[in-house]
Protein backbone atom coordinates (compact mmCIF):
# COMPACT_ATOMS: atom_id res chain seq x y z
CA MET A 1 111.75 107.04 104.93
CA TYR A 2 108.73 109.41 103.89
CA GLU A 3 109.03 112.57 102.45
CA LYS A 4 105.75 115.09 100.96
CA ASP A 5 106.50 117.71 98.65
CA ASN A 6 103.59 121.29 98.26
CA ARG A 7 102.39 118.88 95.12
CA GLY A 8 100.60 116.29 97.27
CA VAL A 9 103.41 114.03 95.75
CA HIS A 10 104.11 111.71 98.73
CA ARG A 11 107.77 109.37 98.59
CA ILE A 12 108.06 106.57 100.90
CA THR A 13 111.41 104.77 100.48
CA LEU A 14 112.85 101.38 101.49
CA ASN A 15 115.70 102.40 103.06
CA ARG A 16 117.84 99.77 103.88
CA PRO A 17 120.53 99.88 100.88
CA GLU A 18 123.38 98.27 102.33
CA LYS A 19 121.31 94.82 102.14
CA HIS A 20 119.32 95.89 99.27
CA ASN A 21 116.86 97.15 101.49
CA PRO A 22 115.17 93.78 102.63
CA ALA A 23 111.75 93.68 104.55
CA SER A 24 112.50 93.36 108.21
CA ALA A 25 109.47 93.76 110.65
CA ALA A 26 110.71 97.50 111.42
CA VAL A 27 110.80 98.26 107.74
CA LYS A 28 106.74 97.12 107.24
CA TYR A 29 105.96 99.35 110.06
CA GLU A 30 107.59 102.20 108.64
CA MET A 31 105.95 101.66 105.57
CA ILE A 32 102.15 101.07 107.33
CA ASP A 33 102.70 104.08 109.59
CA ALA A 34 103.36 106.46 105.95
CA PHE A 35 100.99 104.79 104.09
CA HIS A 36 98.43 105.48 107.09
CA LYS A 37 99.70 109.36 106.91
CA VAL A 38 98.89 109.48 103.16
CA ARG A 39 95.41 108.04 103.80
CA ASP A 40 94.59 110.34 106.43
CA ASP A 41 95.91 113.60 104.25
CA LYS A 42 93.13 115.06 102.46
CA ASP A 43 95.81 117.01 100.14
CA ALA A 44 97.34 113.96 98.88
CA ARG A 45 97.45 113.23 95.18
CA ILE A 46 100.13 110.63 94.53
CA VAL A 47 102.48 108.55 96.47
CA VAL A 48 105.62 106.99 94.82
CA LEU A 49 106.93 104.07 96.31
CA THR A 50 110.74 103.18 96.00
CA GLY A 51 114.11 101.80 97.60
CA ALA A 52 117.12 103.47 98.25
CA GLY A 53 120.55 102.55 97.17
CA LYS A 54 121.03 99.92 94.06
CA SER A 55 117.61 97.95 94.58
CA PHE A 56 114.63 98.20 95.16
CA CYS A 57 113.75 95.31 97.85
CA SER A 58 115.70 91.87 98.51
CA GLY A 59 112.45 90.36 99.86
CA ARG A 60 111.71 89.45 103.33
CA ASP A 61 114.72 89.73 106.08
CA MET A 62 115.63 86.27 106.38
CA ASP A 63 117.56 87.03 109.26
CA GLU A 64 114.37 87.39 111.33
CA VAL A 65 112.93 84.52 109.37
CA ALA A 66 115.87 82.26 110.91
CA ASP A 67 114.80 83.47 114.59
CA MET A 68 111.10 82.47 114.36
CA THR A 69 110.76 79.70 116.94
CA SER A 70 107.98 77.76 115.47
CA PRO A 71 106.02 77.45 112.57
CA LEU A 72 103.39 78.97 113.97
CA ASN A 73 105.01 82.06 114.74
CA TYR A 74 105.21 82.27 110.99
CA PHE A 75 101.76 81.75 110.41
CA LEU A 76 100.92 84.43 113.07
CA ASP A 77 102.94 86.57 111.29
CA GLN A 78 100.62 89.45 110.37
CA ILE A 79 102.72 92.24 109.64
CA THR A 80 103.27 92.03 105.81
CA PRO A 81 99.34 91.52 105.53
CA LYS A 82 99.09 94.68 107.33
CA VAL A 83 101.22 96.18 104.86
CA TYR A 84 99.20 95.27 102.03
CA ARG A 85 96.03 96.35 103.94
CA ALA A 86 97.42 99.95 104.61
CA MET A 87 98.61 100.65 100.75
CA ASN A 88 95.20 99.23 99.73
CA GLU A 89 93.18 101.96 102.07
CA VAL A 90 95.20 104.30 99.88
CA ARG A 91 92.76 106.01 97.72
CA VAL A 92 95.15 108.27 95.49
CA PRO A 93 97.36 106.25 92.88
CA ILE A 94 100.52 104.66 94.19
CA ILE A 95 103.33 104.19 91.62
CA ALA A 96 106.48 101.84 92.36
CA ALA A 97 109.99 102.72 90.88
CA THR A 98 111.74 99.75 90.75
CA LYS A 99 115.24 98.91 90.24
CA GLY A 100 117.97 96.17 91.32
CA TRP A 101 116.53 93.46 92.83
CA CYS A 102 112.94 93.50 93.43
CA LEU A 103 112.20 90.01 95.38
CA GLY A 104 109.73 87.95 97.12
CA VAL A 105 107.44 90.56 98.94
CA GLY A 106 109.28 93.62 97.49
CA VAL A 107 107.27 92.06 94.07
CA GLY A 108 104.15 91.45 96.51
CA PHE A 109 104.28 95.79 97.29
CA THR A 110 105.12 96.43 93.34
CA LEU A 111 101.76 94.68 92.41
CA MET A 112 99.96 96.33 94.85
CA CYS A 113 100.81 99.72 93.40
CA ASP A 114 98.68 101.15 90.35
CA ILE A 115 101.35 101.93 87.98
CA ILE A 116 104.91 100.02 87.80
CA VAL A 117 107.60 101.57 86.23
CA ALA A 118 110.78 99.42 86.19
CA SER A 119 114.26 100.13 84.82
CA GLU A 120 116.05 97.66 82.94
CA ASP A 121 118.13 96.53 85.71
CA THR A 122 115.22 95.31 87.60
CA LYS A 123 115.12 91.84 88.53
CA PHE A 124 112.24 90.10 89.56
CA ALA A 125 111.31 86.64 91.17
CA TRP A 126 109.83 84.72 93.86
CA PRO A 127 112.33 82.61 95.20
CA GLU A 128 110.94 81.44 98.48
CA ILE A 129 110.19 77.66 97.24
CA ILE A 130 114.01 77.30 96.53
CA TRP A 131 114.43 78.35 100.63
CA ASP A 132 111.73 75.71 101.34
CA PHE A 133 108.78 78.27 101.85
CA LEU A 134 105.67 78.32 99.36
CA GLY A 135 105.40 80.71 96.70
CA PRO A 136 102.63 82.83 95.97
CA SER A 137 100.39 81.14 93.75
CA VAL A 138 97.02 81.88 95.06
CA LYS A 139 98.30 85.59 95.22
CA LEU A 140 98.83 85.56 91.90
CA LEU A 141 96.34 84.32 90.72
CA LYS A 142 93.80 86.76 92.47
CA LEU A 143 95.76 89.70 91.15
CA GLY A 144 95.14 88.14 87.31
CA VAL A 145 98.31 86.32 86.33
CA PRO A 146 97.51 83.43 84.19
CA MET A 147 97.27 80.22 85.97
CA CYS A 148 100.20 78.33 84.27
CA LYS A 149 102.25 81.56 84.55
CA ALA A 150 101.35 82.18 88.26
CA LYS A 151 102.67 78.12 89.17
CA GLU A 152 105.82 79.08 86.85
CA LEU A 153 106.23 82.14 88.87
CA ALA A 154 105.64 80.57 92.41
CA TRP A 155 107.13 76.96 91.91
CA ILE A 156 110.40 77.61 90.05
CA GLY A 157 111.40 80.82 91.02
CA ASP A 158 113.37 81.68 88.19
CA VAL A 159 114.55 85.84 88.04
CA TYR A 160 112.81 87.47 85.34
CA ASP A 161 114.40 90.59 83.98
CA ALA A 162 111.92 93.79 83.61
CA LYS A 163 111.76 93.31 79.73
CA GLU A 164 110.14 89.87 80.52
CA ALA A 165 108.29 91.20 83.17
CA TRP A 166 106.61 93.90 81.20
CA ARG A 167 105.78 91.24 78.42
CA LEU A 168 104.01 89.18 81.25
CA GLY A 169 101.92 92.54 81.99
CA LEU A 170 103.52 92.59 85.66
CA VAL A 171 104.91 96.58 84.79
CA ASN A 172 103.23 99.33 83.05
CA LYS A 173 106.92 100.61 81.95
CA VAL A 174 110.74 99.88 81.31
CA VAL A 175 113.21 102.26 81.36
CA PRO A 176 116.91 102.82 81.59
CA ARG A 177 118.31 103.14 85.04
CA GLU A 178 119.31 106.84 84.71
CA LYS A 179 115.64 107.21 83.15
CA LEU A 180 113.89 106.27 86.00
CA GLU A 181 112.89 109.26 88.01
CA GLU A 182 112.46 111.30 84.91
CA GLU A 183 109.86 108.70 83.68
CA VAL A 184 108.30 108.46 87.02
CA GLU A 185 107.64 112.37 87.20
CA HIS A 186 106.09 112.14 83.61
CA TYR A 187 103.32 110.07 84.92
CA ILE A 188 103.39 112.21 88.07
CA LYS A 189 102.62 115.26 86.21
CA LYS A 190 99.98 113.59 84.05
CA LEU A 191 98.20 112.43 87.15
CA LEU A 192 98.40 115.88 88.50
CA LYS A 193 96.04 116.88 85.88
CA ILE A 194 93.56 114.97 86.70
CA HIS A 195 90.48 115.94 89.17
CA PRO A 196 91.59 114.53 92.55
CA THR A 197 88.07 113.13 92.69
CA ALA A 198 87.82 111.56 89.52
CA LEU A 199 91.17 109.32 90.32
CA ILE A 200 89.96 108.19 93.71
CA LEU A 201 86.98 106.87 91.93
CA SER A 202 88.40 105.63 89.14
CA LYS A 203 90.30 103.43 91.50
CA ILE A 204 87.49 102.58 93.44
CA SER A 205 85.68 101.08 90.84
CA SER A 206 88.95 99.59 89.57
CA LYS A 207 89.67 97.51 92.44
CA THR A 208 86.08 96.19 92.95
CA ALA A 209 85.39 95.90 89.03
CA GLY A 210 86.75 91.95 89.64
CA ASP A 211 84.34 91.61 93.07
CA ILE A 212 80.91 92.57 90.80
CA PRO A 213 79.21 89.11 89.71
CA ASN A 214 77.95 90.80 86.52
CA LEU A 215 78.06 93.35 83.17
CA ASP A 216 75.07 94.80 84.67
CA ALA A 217 75.66 95.32 88.08
CA ALA A 218 79.27 96.59 87.25
CA GLY A 219 77.68 99.17 84.90
CA ALA A 220 75.76 100.17 87.65
CA PHE A 221 78.38 100.82 90.20
CA GLU A 222 80.39 102.47 86.97
CA ARG A 223 77.29 105.19 87.04
CA ALA A 224 77.23 105.45 90.91
CA LEU A 225 80.46 106.81 90.94
CA TYR A 226 80.07 109.18 87.70
CA SER A 227 76.86 110.26 89.54
CA ILE A 228 79.28 111.23 92.72
CA MET A 229 81.43 112.79 90.26
CA LEU A 230 78.73 114.90 88.85
CA SER A 231 78.03 116.13 92.54
CA VAL A 232 81.88 117.15 92.78
CA ARG A 233 82.05 119.39 89.67
CA LYS A 234 79.91 119.52 86.32
CA PRO A 235 80.93 118.76 83.20
CA SER A 236 80.62 122.09 81.97
CA GLU A 237 82.78 123.65 84.72
CA VAL A 238 85.81 122.17 83.60
CA GLY A 239 85.58 118.96 81.42
CA VAL A 240 83.61 120.75 78.56
CA ILE A 241 85.66 123.80 78.50
CA ARG A 242 88.73 121.57 78.15
CA PHE A 243 87.22 119.63 75.32
CA ARG A 244 86.15 122.41 73.45
CA ASP A 245 89.03 125.11 73.41
CA LYS A 246 91.53 121.65 73.21
CA LYS A 247 93.75 122.96 75.86
CA GLU A 248 95.31 120.26 78.17
CA ARG A 249 94.50 122.83 81.84
CA PRO A 250 96.04 121.36 84.61
CA TYR A 251 93.32 120.36 87.80
CA SER A 252 93.02 123.76 90.19
CA ASP A 253 90.72 124.03 93.50
CA PRO A 254 90.52 126.75 95.83
CA ASP A 255 89.69 124.26 98.31
CA ARG A 256 92.52 121.64 97.79
CA LYS A 257 95.72 122.27 96.66
CA ALA A 258 96.52 123.02 92.78
CA GLY A 259 97.84 120.19 90.91
């Protein structure tokens, strides 16, 4: 389910609540389409990814897995990587709001997001290995999870509560279920106060940092992005004014929608 409000906030909701939102092929294609809409919307500011009902996502739709006729079909299944690529193409911040079950590919979706807000009742796990599939140890290592912990998460399949996920650095904030939307809105309001180009360039910088070979090259890349930012709006027009009068001014621009 896809929605957009007048602030440029897009909301993508996994909508199979009767089964805790398993990621069927149809759901994944809907996600790809929704993230492409965000990618192509020049007025997009923020995306919120969540699930309908009690849970965020119960993982891959196992009924579909059971219908795969051969190992080759499973290997050639490229729908999930297409979802990740579609998410990776989104330039604006993506906020995940998790609750209830967040399993397997559902955790993968959250880790592709920029900010993860989890309700206290969220249960995270990669149970694939229990069902004779491989856990995502390579993916976890690529995301920066320490090797010993990545192996434990991928090999054991234990369930982790939200507080343990926070301790491991897998989520940004843990709140009571009834405060989940309020906390997401708190992040939205904070992000809407930032110049859109600054957020886009900061996201590019963050995504690229891990692939830059040394500190000097990383510094040069960051300075190049900062130069682009200066070409969009000089600090003296907004940033310095904010600093001098000590007021938190929301971003606004007549050429784009106000935040």
